[in-house]
C-alpha cells in the first residue's frame, strides 16, 4: 500500500533547504529534502453500513471525518459507493 492519504491524496514532497545567505545568490548547496506528510494508520467505523475500514489517513482527513462524519467523507472520496 502506498504512503498516501486515501481521502485527501497527500503524500511526500521534495523541497529545498536554504540558509538565509544562500537565498540572496539563488544557489542551493544544501541539496533537496523529502518532506513527508503526517500519515496515520486508522480503523474507521461507519455506522450507516456497519463496516470498519482500515486506511492510511492524513491528520487533516482525520479531523474532517470527526467534523463531517465518516459516511459522508468516505462517500465523497468514493471509498463507499
N, C-alpha and C. Protein backbone atom coordinates (compact mmCIF):
# COMPACT_ATOMS: atom_id res chain seq x y z
N UNK A 1 0.83 -1.17 0.00
CA UNK A 1 0.00 0.00 0.00
C UNK A 1 0.89 1.25 0.00
N UNK A 2 0.53 2.21 -0.82
CA UNK A 2 1.34 3.41 -0.96
C UNK A 2 1.19 4.31 0.26
N UNK A 3 2.21 5.11 0.53
CA UNK A 3 2.15 6.06 1.63
C UNK A 3 1.49 7.33 1.13
N UNK A 4 0.17 7.26 1.02
CA UNK A 4 -0.61 8.37 0.50
C UNK A 4 -1.98 8.35 1.18
N UNK A 5 -2.48 9.50 1.53
CA UNK A 5 -3.78 9.58 2.18
C UNK A 5 -4.86 9.20 1.18
N UNK A 6 -5.78 8.33 1.59
CA UNK A 6 -6.81 7.84 0.69
C UNK A 6 -7.93 8.85 0.49
N UNK A 7 -8.03 9.84 1.36
CA UNK A 7 -9.09 10.84 1.25
C UNK A 7 -8.58 12.13 0.62
N UNK A 8 -7.51 12.70 1.17
CA UNK A 8 -7.02 13.99 0.67
C UNK A 8 -5.99 13.84 -0.44
N UNK A 9 -5.36 12.67 -0.56
CA UNK A 9 -4.35 12.45 -1.59
C UNK A 9 -2.98 13.00 -1.23
N UNK A 10 -2.78 13.37 0.04
CA UNK A 10 -1.49 13.92 0.45
C UNK A 10 -0.42 12.83 0.47
N UNK A 11 0.77 13.18 -0.01
CA UNK A 11 1.92 12.29 0.08
C UNK A 11 3.17 13.14 0.24
N UNK A 12 4.33 12.55 0.11
CA UNK A 12 5.57 13.29 0.36
C UNK A 12 5.86 14.26 -0.79
N UNK A 13 6.61 15.31 -0.46
CA UNK A 13 7.03 16.31 -1.44
C UNK A 13 8.52 16.53 -1.31
N UNK A 14 9.15 16.97 -2.39
CA UNK A 14 10.57 17.28 -2.37
C UNK A 14 10.72 18.80 -2.32
N UNK A 15 11.53 19.27 -1.37
CA UNK A 15 11.75 20.70 -1.23
C UNK A 15 13.21 20.99 -0.96
N UNK A 16 13.61 22.22 -1.21
CA UNK A 16 14.99 22.62 -1.00
C UNK A 16 15.22 23.12 0.41
N UNK A 17 16.49 23.10 0.84
CA UNK A 17 16.89 23.66 2.13
C UNK A 17 17.79 24.84 1.87
N UNK A 18 17.46 25.98 2.43
CA UNK A 18 18.23 27.20 2.19
C UNK A 18 18.67 27.82 3.50
N UNK A 19 19.86 28.38 3.50
CA UNK A 19 20.24 29.27 4.58
C UNK A 19 19.89 30.69 4.12
N UNK A 20 19.86 31.63 5.04
CA UNK A 20 19.48 32.99 4.66
C UNK A 20 20.47 33.61 3.70
N UNK A 21 21.77 33.33 3.84
CA UNK A 21 22.77 33.90 2.94
C UNK A 21 22.62 33.33 1.53
N UNK A 22 22.25 32.07 1.46
CA UNK A 22 22.14 31.41 0.15
C UNK A 22 20.95 31.95 -0.64
N UNK A 23 19.92 32.42 0.05
CA UNK A 23 18.75 32.95 -0.65
C UNK A 23 19.12 34.12 -1.56
N UNK A 24 20.10 34.90 -1.18
CA UNK A 24 20.49 36.06 -1.97
C UNK A 24 21.15 35.65 -3.28
N UNK A 25 21.83 34.53 -3.31
CA UNK A 25 22.56 34.12 -4.51
C UNK A 25 21.78 33.14 -5.38
N UNK A 26 20.61 32.66 -4.89
CA UNK A 26 19.79 31.70 -5.63
C UNK A 26 20.57 30.43 -5.96
N UNK A 27 21.38 29.99 -5.03
CA UNK A 27 22.17 28.77 -5.21
C UNK A 27 21.91 27.88 -4.01
N UNK A 28 21.72 26.61 -4.23
CA UNK A 28 21.31 25.72 -3.15
C UNK A 28 22.36 24.64 -2.90
N UNK A 29 23.34 24.89 -2.02
CA UNK A 29 24.35 23.87 -1.76
C UNK A 29 23.87 22.78 -0.79
N UNK A 30 22.75 23.00 -0.14
CA UNK A 30 22.28 22.05 0.87
C UNK A 30 21.64 20.81 0.27
N UNK A 31 21.22 20.87 -0.98
CA UNK A 31 20.56 19.74 -1.59
C UNK A 31 19.07 19.76 -1.33
N UNK A 32 18.42 18.66 -1.67
CA UNK A 32 16.97 18.58 -1.53
C UNK A 32 16.61 17.63 -0.40
N UNK A 33 15.41 17.83 0.15
CA UNK A 33 14.94 17.01 1.25
C UNK A 33 13.51 16.58 0.97
N UNK A 34 13.21 15.32 1.24
CA UNK A 34 11.85 14.82 1.08
C UNK A 34 11.08 15.13 2.36
N UNK A 35 9.98 15.84 2.20
CA UNK A 35 9.14 16.21 3.33
C UNK A 35 7.91 15.29 3.32
N UNK A 36 7.78 14.52 4.39
CA UNK A 36 6.73 13.51 4.45
C UNK A 36 5.47 14.07 5.09
N UNK A 37 4.33 13.63 4.59
CA UNK A 37 3.05 14.01 5.17
C UNK A 37 2.84 13.28 6.49
N UNK A 38 2.03 13.85 7.35
CA UNK A 38 1.74 13.24 8.65
C UNK A 38 0.62 12.22 8.46
N UNK A 39 1.01 10.97 8.15
CA UNK A 39 0.05 9.91 7.86
C UNK A 39 -0.07 8.94 9.03
N UNK A 40 -1.29 8.51 9.29
CA UNK A 40 -1.58 7.60 10.40
C UNK A 40 -2.40 6.43 9.87
N UNK A 41 -2.16 5.24 10.42
CA UNK A 41 -3.00 4.08 10.11
C UNK A 41 -4.19 4.11 11.05
N UNK A 42 -5.40 4.08 10.48
CA UNK A 42 -6.61 4.19 11.30
C UNK A 42 -7.65 3.18 10.84
N UNK A 43 -8.46 2.73 11.80
CA UNK A 43 -9.66 1.97 11.50
C UNK A 43 -10.84 2.92 11.67
N UNK A 44 -11.65 3.03 10.64
CA UNK A 44 -12.79 3.94 10.67
C UNK A 44 -14.07 3.10 10.61
N UNK A 45 -14.91 3.23 11.63
CA UNK A 45 -16.18 2.51 11.66
C UNK A 45 -17.26 3.41 11.09
N UNK A 46 -18.04 2.85 10.16
CA UNK A 46 -19.14 3.60 9.54
C UNK A 46 -20.44 2.97 10.03
N UNK A 47 -21.17 3.67 10.91
CA UNK A 47 -22.38 3.06 11.47
C UNK A 47 -23.50 2.85 10.45
N UNK A 48 -23.53 3.66 9.39
CA UNK A 48 -24.59 3.51 8.37
C UNK A 48 -24.48 2.17 7.64
N UNK A 49 -23.27 1.70 7.41
CA UNK A 49 -23.07 0.42 6.72
C UNK A 49 -22.75 -0.71 7.69
N UNK A 50 -22.32 -0.38 8.90
CA UNK A 50 -21.95 -1.39 9.89
C UNK A 50 -20.61 -2.03 9.62
N UNK A 51 -19.75 -1.37 8.83
CA UNK A 51 -18.44 -1.91 8.47
C UNK A 51 -17.32 -1.05 9.02
N UNK A 52 -16.15 -1.69 9.18
CA UNK A 52 -14.94 -0.99 9.60
C UNK A 52 -13.95 -1.00 8.44
N UNK A 53 -13.35 0.14 8.16
CA UNK A 53 -12.39 0.27 7.06
C UNK A 53 -11.02 0.60 7.63
N UNK A 54 -9.98 -0.15 7.19
CA UNK A 54 -8.60 0.15 7.57
C UNK A 54 -8.01 1.05 6.49
N UNK A 55 -7.49 2.21 6.91
CA UNK A 55 -6.99 3.18 5.94
C UNK A 55 -5.75 3.88 6.47
N UNK A 56 -4.98 4.44 5.54
CA UNK A 56 -3.89 5.35 5.88
C UNK A 56 -4.42 6.76 5.62
N UNK A 57 -4.49 7.57 6.68
CA UNK A 57 -5.09 8.89 6.59
C UNK A 57 -4.13 9.97 7.06
N UNK A 58 -4.24 11.15 6.45
CA UNK A 58 -3.51 12.30 6.97
C UNK A 58 -4.27 12.83 8.18
N UNK A 59 -3.60 13.61 9.00
CA UNK A 59 -4.26 14.14 10.19
C UNK A 59 -5.37 15.11 9.81
N UNK A 60 -5.24 15.78 8.68
CA UNK A 60 -6.31 16.66 8.21
C UNK A 60 -7.55 15.85 7.86
N UNK A 61 -7.36 14.67 7.25
CA UNK A 61 -8.50 13.81 6.92
C UNK A 61 -9.18 13.29 8.18
N UNK A 62 -8.39 13.00 9.22
CA UNK A 62 -8.97 12.53 10.48
C UNK A 62 -9.84 13.62 11.10
N UNK A 63 -9.37 14.87 11.04
CA UNK A 63 -10.16 16.00 11.55
C UNK A 63 -11.43 16.19 10.73
N UNK A 64 -11.35 16.00 9.42
CA UNK A 64 -12.50 16.14 8.54
C UNK A 64 -13.55 15.08 8.85
N UNK A 65 -13.10 13.84 9.11
CA UNK A 65 -14.02 12.77 9.47
C UNK A 65 -14.70 13.08 10.80
N UNK A 66 -13.94 13.61 11.75
CA UNK A 66 -14.51 13.95 13.05
C UNK A 66 -15.55 15.07 12.92
N UNK A 67 -15.33 15.98 12.00
CA UNK A 67 -16.23 17.12 11.84
C UNK A 67 -17.48 16.77 11.03
N UNK A 68 -17.30 16.10 9.89
CA UNK A 68 -18.40 15.89 8.94
C UNK A 68 -19.02 14.50 9.01
N UNK A 69 -18.37 13.57 9.69
CA UNK A 69 -18.90 12.21 9.76
C UNK A 69 -18.21 11.30 8.76
N UNK A 70 -18.04 10.04 9.16
CA UNK A 70 -17.29 9.09 8.35
C UNK A 70 -18.01 8.77 7.04
N UNK A 71 -19.32 8.58 7.09
CA UNK A 71 -20.05 8.15 5.90
C UNK A 71 -19.96 9.19 4.78
N UNK A 72 -20.20 10.46 5.11
CA UNK A 72 -20.21 11.50 4.07
C UNK A 72 -18.81 11.73 3.49
N UNK A 73 -17.78 11.66 4.33
CA UNK A 73 -16.41 11.89 3.86
C UNK A 73 -15.95 10.72 2.97
N UNK A 74 -16.22 9.50 3.39
CA UNK A 74 -15.81 8.34 2.59
C UNK A 74 -16.61 8.23 1.30
N UNK A 75 -17.86 8.64 1.32
CA UNK A 75 -18.67 8.62 0.10
C UNK A 75 -18.16 9.67 -0.89
N UNK A 76 -17.77 10.84 -0.39
CA UNK A 76 -17.25 11.89 -1.26
C UNK A 76 -15.91 11.49 -1.87
N UNK A 77 -15.10 10.71 -1.11
CA UNK A 77 -13.82 10.23 -1.62
C UNK A 77 -13.97 8.96 -2.48
N UNK A 78 -15.21 8.50 -2.67
CA UNK A 78 -15.55 7.34 -3.49
C UNK A 78 -14.95 6.04 -2.95
N UNK A 79 -14.82 5.96 -1.63
CA UNK A 79 -14.40 4.71 -0.99
C UNK A 79 -15.64 3.85 -0.72
N UNK A 80 -16.75 4.52 -0.36
CA UNK A 80 -18.05 3.86 -0.22
C UNK A 80 -18.88 4.25 -1.43
N UNK A 81 -19.56 3.26 -2.00
CA UNK A 81 -20.39 3.57 -3.18
C UNK A 81 -21.85 3.66 -2.85
